[in-house]
Amino acid sequence: MAVIVTVEIPGGTRKQYEDTTRLLEATEWFPPAGFIAHAAGPDGSGGWRIVDFWDSEDAFLAFVEKAKPIFDQGGLPTILPTVQEAVNVMLK
């Protein structure tokens, strides 16, 4: 079952996001297994929001395990994402 993962990063910046994304994309395992789609942008209240679509919550958790050192390197705080079932995922 596909899932929607929403991550809110209070105080997160575009620079942190872009730096972290560059590091992730440089790994030999990117894109990670189970990854479907990703979007990110300012949350409207001074932070950053990320919305991902994954094949399953287990695939997302496996990604987090691999990516944690990169998140730490980027200075991102530990954040609890919201995970919910996706009834449908459409890509253009």
PDB file of N, CA and C in Angstrom:
ATOM      1  N   MET A   1       0.839  -1.175   0.000  1.00  0.00           N
ATOM      2  CA  MET A   1       0.000   0.000   0.000  1.00  0.00           C
ATOM      3  C   MET A   1       0.890   1.247   0.000  1.00  0.00           C
ATOM      4  N   ALA A   2       0.658   2.139  -0.937  1.00  0.00           N
ATOM      5  CA  ALA A   2       1.428   3.388  -1.002  1.00  0.00           C
ATOM      6  C   ALA A   2       1.069   4.273   0.184  1.00  0.00           C
ATOM      7  N   VAL A   3       2.039   5.110   0.579  1.00  0.00           N
ATOM      8  CA  VAL A   3       1.820   6.032   1.687  1.00  0.00           C
ATOM      9  C   VAL A   3       2.258   7.440   1.301  1.00  0.00           C
ATOM     10  N   ILE A   4       1.638   8.407   1.974  1.00  0.00           N
ATOM     11  CA  ILE A   4       2.009   9.807   1.873  1.00  0.00           C
ATOM     12  C   ILE A   4       2.774  10.140   3.151  1.00  0.00           C
ATOM     13  N   VAL A   5       3.959  10.706   3.006  1.00  0.00           N
ATOM     14  CA  VAL A   5       4.772  11.088   4.156  1.00  0.00           C
ATOM     15  C   VAL A   5       4.933  12.604   4.134  1.00  0.00           C
ATOM     16  N   THR A   6       4.486  13.249   5.212  1.00  0.00           N
ATOM     17  CA  THR A   6       4.604  14.697   5.327  1.00  0.00           C
ATOM     18  C   THR A   6       5.566  15.021   6.463  1.00  0.00           C
ATOM     19  N   VAL A   7       6.552  15.868   6.154  1.00  0.00           N
ATOM     20  CA  VAL A   7       7.550  16.272   7.140  1.00  0.00           C
ATOM     21  C   VAL A   7       7.496  17.789   7.269  1.00  0.00           C
ATOM     22  N   GLU A   8       7.263  18.266   8.469  1.00  0.00           N
ATOM     23  CA  GLU A   8       7.274  19.697   8.760  1.00  0.00           C
ATOM     24  C   GLU A   8       8.578  20.006   9.495  1.00  0.00           C
ATOM     25  N   ILE A   9       9.334  20.989   8.996  1.00  0.00           N
ATOM     26  CA  ILE A   9      10.605  21.357   9.612  1.00  0.00           C
ATOM     27  C   ILE A   9      10.506  22.813  10.071  1.00  0.00           C
ATOM     28  N   PRO A  10      10.077  23.040  11.320  1.00  0.00           N
ATOM     29  CA  PRO A  10       9.994  24.415  11.825  1.00  0.00           C
ATOM     30  C   PRO A  10      11.364  25.096  11.752  1.00  0.00           C
ATOM     31  N   GLY A  11      11.408  26.268  11.169  1.00  0.00           N
ATOM     32  CA  GLY A  11      12.670  26.995  11.051  1.00  0.00           C
ATOM     33  C   GLY A  11      13.585  26.475   9.963  1.00  0.00           C
ATOM     34  N   GLY A  12      13.158  25.429   9.248  1.00  0.00           N
ATOM     35  CA  GLY A  12      13.970  24.890   8.168  1.00  0.00           C
ATOM     36  C   GLY A  12      14.106  25.898   7.043  1.00  0.00           C
ATOM     37  N   THR A  13      15.242  25.866   6.359  1.00  0.00           N
ATOM     38  CA  THR A  13      15.501  26.843   5.301  1.00  0.00           C
ATOM     39  C   THR A  13      15.679  26.160   3.950  1.00  0.00           C
ATOM     40  N   ARG A  14      15.522  26.946   2.922  1.00  0.00           N
ATOM     41  CA  ARG A  14      15.745  26.445   1.568  1.00  0.00           C
ATOM     42  C   ARG A  14      17.183  25.956   1.415  1.00  0.00           C
ATOM     43  N   LYS A  15      18.130  26.682   1.975  1.00  0.00           N
ATOM     44  CA  LYS A  15      19.536  26.288   1.874  1.00  0.00           C
ATOM     45  C   LYS A  15      19.776  24.924   2.529  1.00  0.00           C
ATOM     46  N   GLN A  16      19.234  24.722   3.729  1.00  0.00           N
ATOM     47  CA  GLN A  16      19.376  23.409   4.386  1.00  0.00           C
ATOM     48  C   GLN A  16      18.792  22.315   3.492  1.00  0.00           C
ATOM     49  N   TYR A  17      17.613  22.577   2.970  1.00  0.00           N
ATOM     50  CA  TYR A  17      16.947  21.598   2.110  1.00  0.00           C
ATOM     51  C   TYR A  17      17.792  21.291   0.876  1.00  0.00           C
ATOM     52  N   GLU A  18      18.236  22.326   0.179  1.00  0.00           N
ATOM     53  CA  GLU A  18      18.997  22.118  -1.051  1.00  0.00           C
ATOM     54  C   GLU A  18      20.342  21.444  -0.786  1.00  0.00           C
ATOM     55  N   ASP A  19      21.025  21.829   0.289  1.00  0.00           N
ATOM     56  CA  ASP A  19      22.296  21.191   0.642  1.00  0.00           C
ATOM     57  C   ASP A  19      22.095  19.707   0.952  1.00  0.00           C
ATOM     58  N   THR A  20      21.063  19.407   1.727  1.00  0.00           N
ATOM     59  CA  THR A  20      20.779  18.017   2.101  1.00  0.00           C
ATOM     60  C   THR A  20      20.379  17.206   0.879  1.00  0.00           C
ATOM     61  N   THR A  21      19.574  17.782   0.015  1.00  0.00           N
ATOM     62  CA  THR A  21      19.139  17.086  -1.194  1.00  0.00           C
ATOM     63  C   THR A  21      20.333  16.764  -2.089  1.00  0.00           C
ATOM     64  N   ARG A  22      21.267  17.698  -2.225  1.00  0.00           N
ATOM     65  CA  ARG A  22      22.473  17.453  -3.028  1.00  0.00           C
ATOM     66  C   ARG A  22      23.255  16.254  -2.473  1.00  0.00           C
ATOM     67  N   LEU A  23      23.391  16.194  -1.156  1.00  0.00           N
ATOM     68  CA  LEU A  23      24.115  15.078  -0.528  1.00  0.00           C
ATOM     69  C   LEU A  23      23.391  13.752  -0.754  1.00  0.00           C
ATOM     70  N   LEU A  24      22.072  13.766  -0.624  1.00  0.00           N
ATOM     71  CA  LEU A  24      21.301  12.539  -0.850  1.00  0.00           C
ATOM     72  C   LEU A  24      21.442  12.064  -2.291  1.00  0.00           C
ATOM     73  N   GLU A  25      21.319  12.989  -3.232  1.00  0.00           N
ATOM     74  CA  GLU A  25      21.395  12.623  -4.651  1.00  0.00           C
ATOM     75  C   GLU A  25      22.783  12.106  -5.043  1.00  0.00           C
ATOM     76  N   ALA A  26      23.796  12.438  -4.265  1.00  0.00           N
ATOM     77  CA  ALA A  26      25.164  11.994  -4.556  1.00  0.00           C
ATOM     78  C   ALA A  26      25.463  10.581  -4.046  1.00  0.00           C
ATOM     79  N   THR A  27      24.551   9.992  -3.261  1.00  0.00           N
ATOM     80  CA  THR A  27      24.796   8.647  -2.748  1.00  0.00           C
ATOM     81  C   THR A  27      24.609   7.616  -3.853  1.00  0.00           C
ATOM     82  N   GLU A  28      25.237   6.450  -3.665  1.00  0.00           N
ATOM     83  CA  GLU A  28      25.112   5.383  -4.658  1.00  0.00           C
ATOM     84  C   GLU A  28      23.738   4.720  -4.628  1.00  0.00           C
ATOM     85  N   TRP A  29      22.975   4.936  -3.567  1.00  0.00           N
ATOM     86  CA  TRP A  29      21.673   4.280  -3.429  1.00  0.00           C
ATOM     87  C   TRP A  29      20.496   5.193  -3.790  1.00  0.00           C
ATOM     88  N   PHE A  30      20.772   6.372  -4.311  1.00  0.00           N
ATOM     89  CA  PHE A  30      19.679   7.287  -4.677  1.00  0.00           C
ATOM     90  C   PHE A  30      19.335   7.096  -6.157  1.00  0.00           C
ATOM     91  N   PRO A  31      18.072   7.007  -6.503  1.00  0.00           N
ATOM     92  CA  PRO A  31      16.902   7.087  -5.638  1.00  0.00           C
ATOM     93  C   PRO A  31      16.702   5.788  -4.860  1.00  0.00           C
ATOM     94  N   PRO A  32      16.201   5.909  -3.643  1.00  0.00           N
ATOM     95  CA  PRO A  32      16.045   4.729  -2.796  1.00  0.00           C
ATOM     96  C   PRO A  32      14.901   3.826  -3.264  1.00  0.00           C
ATOM     97  N   ALA A  33      15.000   2.556  -2.915  1.00  0.00           N
ATOM     98  CA  ALA A  33      13.956   1.590  -3.241  1.00  0.00           C
ATOM     99  C   ALA A  33      12.633   2.034  -2.622  1.00  0.00           C
ATOM    100  N   GLY A  34      11.573   1.951  -3.392  1.00  0.00           N
ATOM    101  CA  GLY A  34      10.240   2.277  -2.891  1.00  0.00           C
ATOM    102  C   GLY A  34       9.838   3.729  -3.040  1.00  0.00           C
ATOM    103  N   PHE A  35      10.748   4.575  -3.487  1.00  0.00           N
ATOM    104  CA  PHE A  35      10.463   5.998  -3.659  1.00  0.00           C
ATOM    105  C   PHE A  35       9.595   6.203  -4.893  1.00  0.00           C
ATOM    106  N   ILE A  36       8.546   7.038  -4.747  1.00  0.00           N
ATOM    107  CA  ILE A  36       7.655   7.327  -5.873  1.00  0.00           C
ATOM    108  C   ILE A  36       7.794   8.779  -6.326  1.00  0.00           C
ATOM    109  N   ALA A  37       7.608   9.721  -5.405  1.00  0.00           N
ATOM    110  CA  ALA A  37       7.622  11.143  -5.780  1.00  0.00           C
ATOM    111  C   ALA A  37       7.938  11.998  -4.567  1.00  0.00           C
ATOM    112  N   HIS A  38       8.323  13.262  -4.832  1.00  0.00           N
ATOM    113  CA  HIS A  38       8.759  14.170  -3.773  1.00  0.00           C
ATOM    114  C   HIS A  38       8.409  15.595  -4.160  1.00  0.00           C
ATOM    115  N   ALA A  39       7.985  16.373  -3.189  1.00  0.00           N
ATOM    116  CA  ALA A  39       7.778  17.816  -3.374  1.00  0.00           C
ATOM    117  C   ALA A  39       8.166  18.503  -2.076  1.00  0.00           C
ATOM    118  N   ALA A  40       8.655  19.750  -2.180  1.00  0.00           N
ATOM    119  CA  ALA A  40       9.060  20.489  -0.982  1.00  0.00           C
ATOM    120  C   ALA A  40       8.933  21.980  -1.243  1.00  0.00           C
ATOM    121  N   GLY A  41       8.743  22.723  -0.165  1.00  0.00           N
ATOM    122  CA  GLY A  41       8.678  24.166  -0.273  1.00  0.00           C
ATOM    123  C   GLY A  41       8.430  24.804   1.079  1.00  0.00           C
ATOM    124  N   PRO A  42       8.428  26.145   1.122  1.00  0.00           N
ATOM    125  CA  PRO A  42       8.176  26.841   2.380  1.00  0.00           C
ATOM    126  C   PRO A  42       6.780  26.503   2.904  1.00  0.00           C
ATOM    127  N   ASP A  43       6.660  26.449   4.236  1.00  0.00           N
ATOM    128  CA  ASP A  43       5.378  26.069   4.830  1.00  0.00           C
ATOM    129  C   ASP A  43       4.462  27.259   5.125  1.00  0.00           C
ATOM    130  N   GLY A  44       4.922  28.467   4.852  1.00  0.00           N
ATOM    131  CA  GLY A  44       4.093  29.648   5.087  1.00  0.00           C
ATOM    132  C   GLY A  44       4.234  30.239   6.473  1.00  0.00           C
ATOM    133  N   SER A  45       4.968  29.561   7.346  1.00  0.00           N
ATOM    134  CA  SER A  45       5.142  30.095   8.705  1.00  0.00           C
ATOM    135  C   SER A  45       6.613  30.084   9.123  1.00  0.00           C
ATOM    136  N   GLY A  46       7.512  30.212   8.154  1.00  0.00           N
ATOM    137  CA  GLY A  46       8.929  30.309   8.470  1.00  0.00           C
ATOM    138  C   GLY A  46       9.668  28.998   8.519  1.00  0.00           C
ATOM    139  N   GLY A  47       9.075  27.937   8.048  1.00  0.00           N
ATOM    140  CA  GLY A  47       9.726  26.631   8.034  1.00  0.00           C
ATOM    141  C   GLY A  47       9.654  26.009   6.658  1.00  0.00           C
ATOM    142  N   TRP A  48       9.856  24.707   6.613  1.00  0.00           N
ATOM    143  CA  TRP A  48       9.902  23.989   5.349  1.00  0.00           C
ATOM    144  C   TRP A  48       9.016  22.755   5.441  1.00  0.00           C
ATOM    145  N   ARG A  49       8.344  22.413   4.350  1.00  0.00           N
ATOM    146  CA  ARG A  49       7.459  21.236   4.313  1.00  0.00           C
ATOM    147  C   ARG A  49       7.909  20.323   3.178  1.00  0.00           C
ATOM    148  N   ILE A  50       7.933  19.034   3.476  1.00  0.00           N
ATOM    149  CA  ILE A  50       8.267  18.020   2.482  1.00  0.00           C
ATOM    150  C   ILE A  50       7.119  17.026   2.420  1.00  0.00           C
ATOM    151  N   VAL A  51       6.709  16.678   1.212  1.00  0.00           N
ATOM    152  CA  VAL A  51       5.667  15.674   1.005  1.00  0.00           C
ATOM    153  C   VAL A  51       6.221  14.644   0.032  1.00  0.00           C
ATOM    154  N   ASP A  52       6.283  13.404   0.494  1.00  0.00           N
ATOM    155  CA  ASP A  52       6.795  12.304  -0.320  1.00  0.00           C
ATOM    156  C   ASP A  52       5.712  11.251  -0.506  1.00  0.00           C
ATOM    157  N   PHE A  53       5.876  10.474  -1.560  1.00  0.00           N
ATOM    158  CA  PHE A  53       5.043   9.300  -1.791  1.00  0.00           C
ATOM    159  C   PHE A  53       5.979   8.103  -1.880  1.00  0.00           C
ATOM    160  N   TRP A  54       5.639   7.059  -1.134  1.00  0.00           N
ATOM    161  CA  TRP A  54       6.452   5.843  -1.068  1.00  0.00           C
ATOM    162  C   TRP A  54       5.584   4.619  -1.313  1.00  0.00           C
ATOM    163  N   ASP A  55       6.209   3.529  -1.778  1.00  0.00           N
ATOM    164  CA  ASP A  55       5.482   2.272  -1.970  1.00  0.00           C
ATOM    165  C   ASP A  55       4.903   1.753  -0.665  1.00  0.00           C
ATOM    166  N   SER A  56       5.628   2.005   0.444  1.00  0.00           N
ATOM    167  CA  SER A  56       5.173   1.514   1.748  1.00  0.00           C
ATOM    168  C   SER A  56       5.871   2.298   2.855  1.00  0.00           C
ATOM    169  N   GLU A  57       5.324   2.195   4.057  1.00  0.00           N
ATOM    170  CA  GLU A  57       5.976   2.823   5.200  1.00  0.00           C
ATOM    171  C   GLU A  57       7.333   2.172   5.470  1.00  0.00           C
ATOM    172  N   ASP A  58       7.438   0.864   5.267  1.00  0.00           N
ATOM    173  CA  ASP A  58       8.715   0.174   5.471  1.00  0.00           C
ATOM    174  C   ASP A  58       9.794   0.709   4.523  1.00  0.00           C
ATOM    175  N   ALA A  59       9.428   0.993   3.276  1.00  0.00           N
ATOM    176  CA  ALA A  59      10.397   1.557   2.325  1.00  0.00           C
ATOM    177  C   ALA A  59      10.859   2.932   2.798  1.00  0.00           C
ATOM    178  N   PHE A  60       9.931   3.738   3.292  1.00  0.00           N
ATOM    179  CA  PHE A  60      10.294   5.056   3.812  1.00  0.00           C
ATOM    180  C   PHE A  60      11.231   4.924   5.012  1.00  0.00           C
ATOM    181  N   LEU A  61      10.910   4.031   5.946  1.00  0.00           N
ATOM    182  CA  LEU A  61      11.739   3.857   7.141  1.00  0.00           C
ATOM    183  C   LEU A  61      13.141   3.357   6.783  1.00  0.00           C
ATOM    184  N   ALA A  62      13.256   2.502   5.765  1.00  0.00           N
ATOM    185  CA  ALA A  62      14.571   2.037   5.316  1.00  0.00           C
ATOM    186  C   ALA A  62      15.378   3.208   4.757  1.00  0.00           C
ATOM    187  N   PHE A  63      14.719   4.102   4.030  1.00  0.00           N
ATOM    188  CA  PHE A  63      15.377   5.304   3.520  1.00  0.00           C
ATOM    189  C   PHE A  63      15.881   6.172   4.669  1.00  0.00           C
ATOM    190  N   VAL A  64      15.042   6.393   5.669  1.00  0.00           N
ATOM    191  CA  VAL A  64      15.424   7.238   6.805  1.00  0.00           C
ATOM    192  C   VAL A  64      16.657   6.670   7.494  1.00  0.00           C
ATOM    193  N   GLU A  65      16.706   5.361   7.631  1.00  0.00           N
ATOM    194  CA  GLU A  65      17.854   4.721   8.280  1.00  0.00           C
ATOM    195  C   GLU A  65      19.147   5.011   7.510  1.00  0.00           C
ATOM    196  N   LYS A  66      19.093   4.901   6.181  1.00  0.00           N
ATOM    197  CA  LYS A  66      20.268   5.195   5.354  1.00  0.00           C
ATOM    198  C   LYS A  66      20.601   6.684   5.364  1.00  0.00           C
ATOM    199  N   ALA A  67      19.577   7.527   5.353  1.00  0.00           N
ATOM    200  CA  ALA A  67      19.768   8.970   5.186  1.00  0.00           C
ATOM    201  C   ALA A  67      20.079   9.707   6.484  1.00  0.00           C
ATOM    202  N   LYS A  68      19.866   9.085   7.627  1.00  0.00           N
ATOM    203  CA  LYS A  68      20.041   9.788   8.906  1.00  0.00           C
ATOM    204  C   LYS A  68      21.393  10.481   9.039  1.00  0.00           C
ATOM    205  N   PRO A  69      22.513   9.844   8.679  1.00  0.00           N
ATOM    206  CA  PRO A  69      23.796  10.564   8.780  1.00  0.00           C
ATOM    207  C   PRO A  69      23.833  11.833   7.918  1.00  0.00           C
ATOM    208  N   ILE A  70      23.173  11.801   6.777  1.00  0.00           N
ATOM    209  CA  ILE A  70      23.126  12.983   5.910  1.00  0.00           C
ATOM    210  C   ILE A  70      22.255  14.059   6.532  1.00  0.00           C
ATOM    211  N   PHE A  71      21.118  13.669   7.100  1.00  0.00           N
ATOM    212  CA  PHE A  71      20.260  14.646   7.781  1.00  0.00           C
ATOM    213  C   PHE A  71      21.021  15.295   8.931  1.00  0.00           C
ATOM    214  N   ASP A  72      21.752  14.484   9.684  1.00  0.00           N
ATOM    215  CA  ASP A  72      22.542  15.016  10.806  1.00  0.00           C
ATOM    216  C   ASP A  72      23.609  15.985  10.301  1.00  0.00           C
ATOM    217  N   GLN A  73      24.290  15.622   9.225  1.00  0.00           N
ATOM    218  CA  GLN A  73      25.327  16.468   8.638  1.00  0.00           C
ATOM    219  C   GLN A  73      24.744  17.808   8.184  1.00  0.00           C
ATOM    220  N   GLY A  74      23.511  17.780   7.682  1.00  0.00           N
ATOM    221  CA  GLY A  74      22.862  19.003   7.215  1.00  0.00           C
ATOM    222  C   GLY A  74      22.304  19.864   8.334  1.00  0.00           C
ATOM    223  N   GLY A  75      22.425  19.387   9.578  1.00  0.00           N
ATOM    224  CA  GLY A  75      21.944  20.161  10.714  1.00  0.00           C
ATOM    225  C   GLY A  75      20.445  20.142  10.882  1.00  0.00           C
ATOM    226  N   LEU A  76      19.782  19.170  10.264  1.00  0.00           N
ATOM    227  CA  LEU A  76      18.332  19.083  10.387  1.00  0.00           C
ATOM    228  C   LEU A  76      17.952  18.442  11.719  1.00  0.00           C
ATOM    229  N   PRO A  77      16.946  18.974  12.395  1.00  0.00           N
ATOM    230  CA  PRO A  77      16.525  18.385  13.663  1.00  0.00           C
ATOM    231  C   PRO A  77      15.827  17.044  13.429  1.00  0.00           C
ATOM    232  N   THR A  78      15.779  16.223  14.457  1.00  0.00           N
ATOM    233  CA  THR A  78      15.011  14.988  14.385  1.00  0.00           C
ATOM    234  C   THR A  78      13.533  15.355  14.340  1.00  0.00           C
ATOM    235  N   ILE A  79      12.836  14.815  13.367  1.00  0.00           N
ATOM    236  CA  ILE A  79      11.445  15.192  13.133  1.00  0.00           C
ATOM    237  C   ILE A  79      10.610  13.928  12.995  1.00  0.00           C
ATOM    238  N   LEU A  80       9.421  13.955  13.570  1.00  0.00           N
ATOM    239  CA  LEU A  80       8.502  12.835  13.410  1.00  0.00           C
ATOM    240  C   LEU A  80       7.571  13.141  12.239  1.00  0.00           C
ATOM    241  N   PRO A  81       7.675  12.371  11.162  1.00  0.00           N
ATOM    242  CA  PRO A  81       6.813  12.616  10.008  1.00  0.00           C
ATOM    243  C   PRO A  81       5.407  12.095  10.247  1.00  0.00           C
ATOM    244  N   THR A  82       4.494  12.581   9.452  1.00  0.00           N
ATOM    245  CA  THR A  82       3.135  12.048   9.420  1.00  0.00           C
ATOM    246  C   THR A  82       3.064  11.078   8.249  1.00  0.00           C
ATOM    247  N   VAL A  83       2.603   9.875   8.504  1.00  0.00           N
ATOM    248  CA  VAL A  83       2.477   8.859   7.463  1.00  0.00           C
ATOM    249  C   VAL A  83       1.009   8.458   7.374  1.00  0.00           C
ATOM    250  N   GLN A  84       0.479   8.490   6.156  1.00  0.00           N
ATOM    251  CA  GLN A  84      -0.918   8.087   5.973  1.00  0.00           C
ATOM    252  C   GLN A  84      -1.048   7.291   4.694  1.00  0.00           C
ATOM    253  N   GLU A  85      -2.073   6.459   4.618  1.00  0.00           N
ATOM    254  CA  GLU A  85      -2.332   5.654   3.448  1.00  0.00           C
ATOM    255  C   GLU A  85      -2.670   6.538   2.246  1.00  0.00           C
ATOM    256  N   ALA A  86      -2.130   6.188   1.108  1.00  0.00           N
ATOM    257  CA  ALA A  86      -2.476   6.876  -0.133  1.00  0.00           C
ATOM    258  C   ALA A  86      -3.473   5.984  -0.882  1.00  0.00           C
ATOM    259  N   VAL A  87      -4.647   6.490  -1.113  1.00  0.00           N
ATOM    260  CA  VAL A  87      -5.654   5.726  -1.857  1.00  0.00           C
ATOM    261  C   VAL A  87      -5.286   5.694  -3.329  1.00  0.00           C
ATOM    262  N   ASN A  88      -4.646   6.766  -3.805  1.00  0.00           N
ATOM    263  CA  ASN A  88      -4.275   6.852  -5.208  1.00  0.00           C
ATOM    264  C   ASN A  88      -3.083   7.793  -5.339  1.00  0.00           C
ATOM    265  N   VAL A  89      -2.156   7.474  -6.218  1.00  0.00           N
ATOM    266  CA  VAL A  89      -1.040   8.358  -6.551  1.00  0.00           C
ATOM    267  C   VAL A  89      -1.028   8.474  -8.072  1.00  0.00           C
ATOM    268  N   MET A  90      -1.129   9.704  -8.559  1.00  0.00           N
ATOM    269  CA  MET A  90      -1.120   9.942  -9.998  1.00  0.00           C
ATOM    270  C   MET A  90       0.107  10.769 -10.359  1.00  0.00           C
ATOM    271  N   LEU A  91       0.797  10.375 -11.395  1.00  0.00           N
ATOM    272  CA  LEU A  91       1.949  11.112 -11.894  1.00  0.00           C
ATOM    273  C   LEU A  91       1.653  11.558 -13.314  1.00  0.00           C
ATOM    274  N   LYS A  92       2.146  12.702 -13.650  1.00  0.00           N
ATOM    275  CA  LYS A  92       1.916  13.231 -14.992  1.00  0.00           C
ATOM    276  C   LYS A  92       2.753  12.487 -15.984  1.00  0.00           C
TER     277      LYS A  92
END
